[in-house]
Protein backbone atom coordinates (compact mmCIF):
# COMPACT_ATOMS: atom_id res chain seq x y z
CA UNK A 1 -23.79 -6.26 -11.13
CA UNK A 2 -20.82 -8.62 -8.86
CA UNK A 3 -17.59 -9.11 -7.48
CA UNK A 4 -15.26 -11.54 -8.25
CA UNK A 5 -13.26 -12.37 -6.06
CA UNK A 6 -9.96 -14.48 -6.41
CA UNK A 7 -8.71 -16.38 -2.62
CA UNK A 8 -7.06 -19.19 -1.73
CA UNK A 9 -6.62 -21.21 1.80
CA UNK A 10 -3.10 -20.29 2.32
CA UNK A 11 -4.02 -16.81 1.89
CA UNK A 12 -3.63 -14.16 5.53
CA UNK A 13 -5.81 -11.45 3.44
CA UNK A 14 -7.71 -13.66 2.18
CA UNK A 15 -9.11 -15.30 5.95
CA UNK A 16 -9.31 -11.61 7.40
CA UNK A 17 -11.81 -10.22 4.56
CA UNK A 18 -14.12 -13.39 3.37
CA UNK A 19 -15.62 -12.72 5.73
CA UNK A 20 -16.81 -8.97 5.57
CA UNK A 21 -17.44 -9.78 1.80
CA UNK A 22 -20.06 -13.04 2.96
CA UNK A 23 -21.54 -10.86 4.92
CA UNK A 24 -22.24 -7.49 1.88
CA UNK A 25 -23.48 -11.11 0.23
CA UNK A 26 -25.52 -12.32 2.93
CA UNK A 27 -27.39 -8.78 3.04
CA UNK A 28 -27.98 -8.61 -0.29
CA UNK A 29 -25.46 -5.52 -1.65
CA UNK A 30 -23.19 -6.80 -3.96
CA UNK A 31 -23.31 -10.59 -5.01
CA UNK A 32 -19.79 -12.26 -4.92
CA UNK A 33 -18.34 -14.81 -6.76
CA UNK A 34 -15.19 -16.69 -5.22
CA UNK A 35 -12.18 -18.26 -6.71
CA UNK A 36 -9.81 -19.95 -5.49
CA UNK A 37 -7.01 -18.98 -7.36
CA UNK A 38 -4.73 -22.13 -6.83
CA UNK A 39 -8.02 -24.79 -8.78
CA UNK A 40 -9.17 -22.20 -11.07
CA UNK A 41 -6.15 -21.45 -13.24
CA UNK A 42 -7.72 -20.89 -16.72
CA UNK A 43 -9.82 -17.67 -14.89
CA UNK A 44 -6.19 -16.62 -12.57
CA UNK A 45 -4.84 -16.04 -16.59
CA UNK A 46 -7.60 -14.90 -17.96
CA UNK A 47 -8.04 -11.31 -15.69
CA UNK A 48 -4.56 -11.94 -15.21
CA UNK A 49 -4.34 -12.01 -11.37
CA UNK A 50 -0.75 -11.10 -9.96
CA UNK A 51 -1.68 -11.07 -6.15
CA UNK A 52 -4.61 -12.28 -3.89
CA UNK A 53 -6.89 -11.09 -2.96
CA UNK A 54 -8.16 -9.12 -5.21
CA UNK A 55 -11.34 -8.18 -6.90
CA UNK A 56 -12.50 -7.66 -9.99
CA UNK A 57 -16.29 -5.76 -10.51
CA UNK A 58 -18.14 -7.34 -13.08
CA UNK A 59 -21.01 -5.10 -15.06
CA UNK A 60 -23.27 -6.29 -17.71
CA UNK A 61 -20.15 -8.93 -18.07
CA UNK A 62 -17.17 -6.62 -18.11
CA UNK A 63 -14.57 -5.61 -16.21
CA UNK A 64 -15.54 -2.30 -14.77
CA UNK A 65 -12.37 -2.01 -11.73
CA UNK A 66 -10.09 -4.17 -9.34
CA UNK A 67 -8.69 -3.42 -6.08
CA UNK A 68 -6.96 -6.35 -3.92
CA UNK A 69 -5.64 -6.44 -0.71
CA UNK A 70 -7.56 -6.99 2.14
CA UNK A 71 -10.26 -4.89 3.01
CA UNK A 72 -12.68 -3.03 5.47
CA UNK A 73 -16.68 -3.37 4.41
CA UNK A 74 -16.33 0.80 4.20
CA UNK A 75 -14.20 -0.20 1.74
CA UNK A 76 -16.16 -3.26 -0.06
CA UNK A 77 -19.35 -0.78 -0.43
CA UNK A 78 -16.60 2.30 -1.79
CA UNK A 79 -15.76 0.29 -4.49
CA UNK A 80 -19.14 -1.24 -5.45
CA UNK A 81 -20.46 2.05 -4.76
CA UNK A 82 -18.40 4.07 -6.62
CA UNK A 83 -17.89 2.95 -10.01
């Protein structure tokens, strides 16, 4: 299981949330794959990203669920654990 994290350099909510995601990744809780929405337009279109940050939980190669906006550690843990 991992999370696709669609982000951009100019996105303020992304800047606030990215350190939380990096901590969860470093702690071995979940793997985040950070995707720059500005340079990865093919993935943005494939996953129909309408706003950033967007987080997509992937399990066995399939999208389980998604959420967007700035999130806390607790919100990420709930997102990951309640799939």
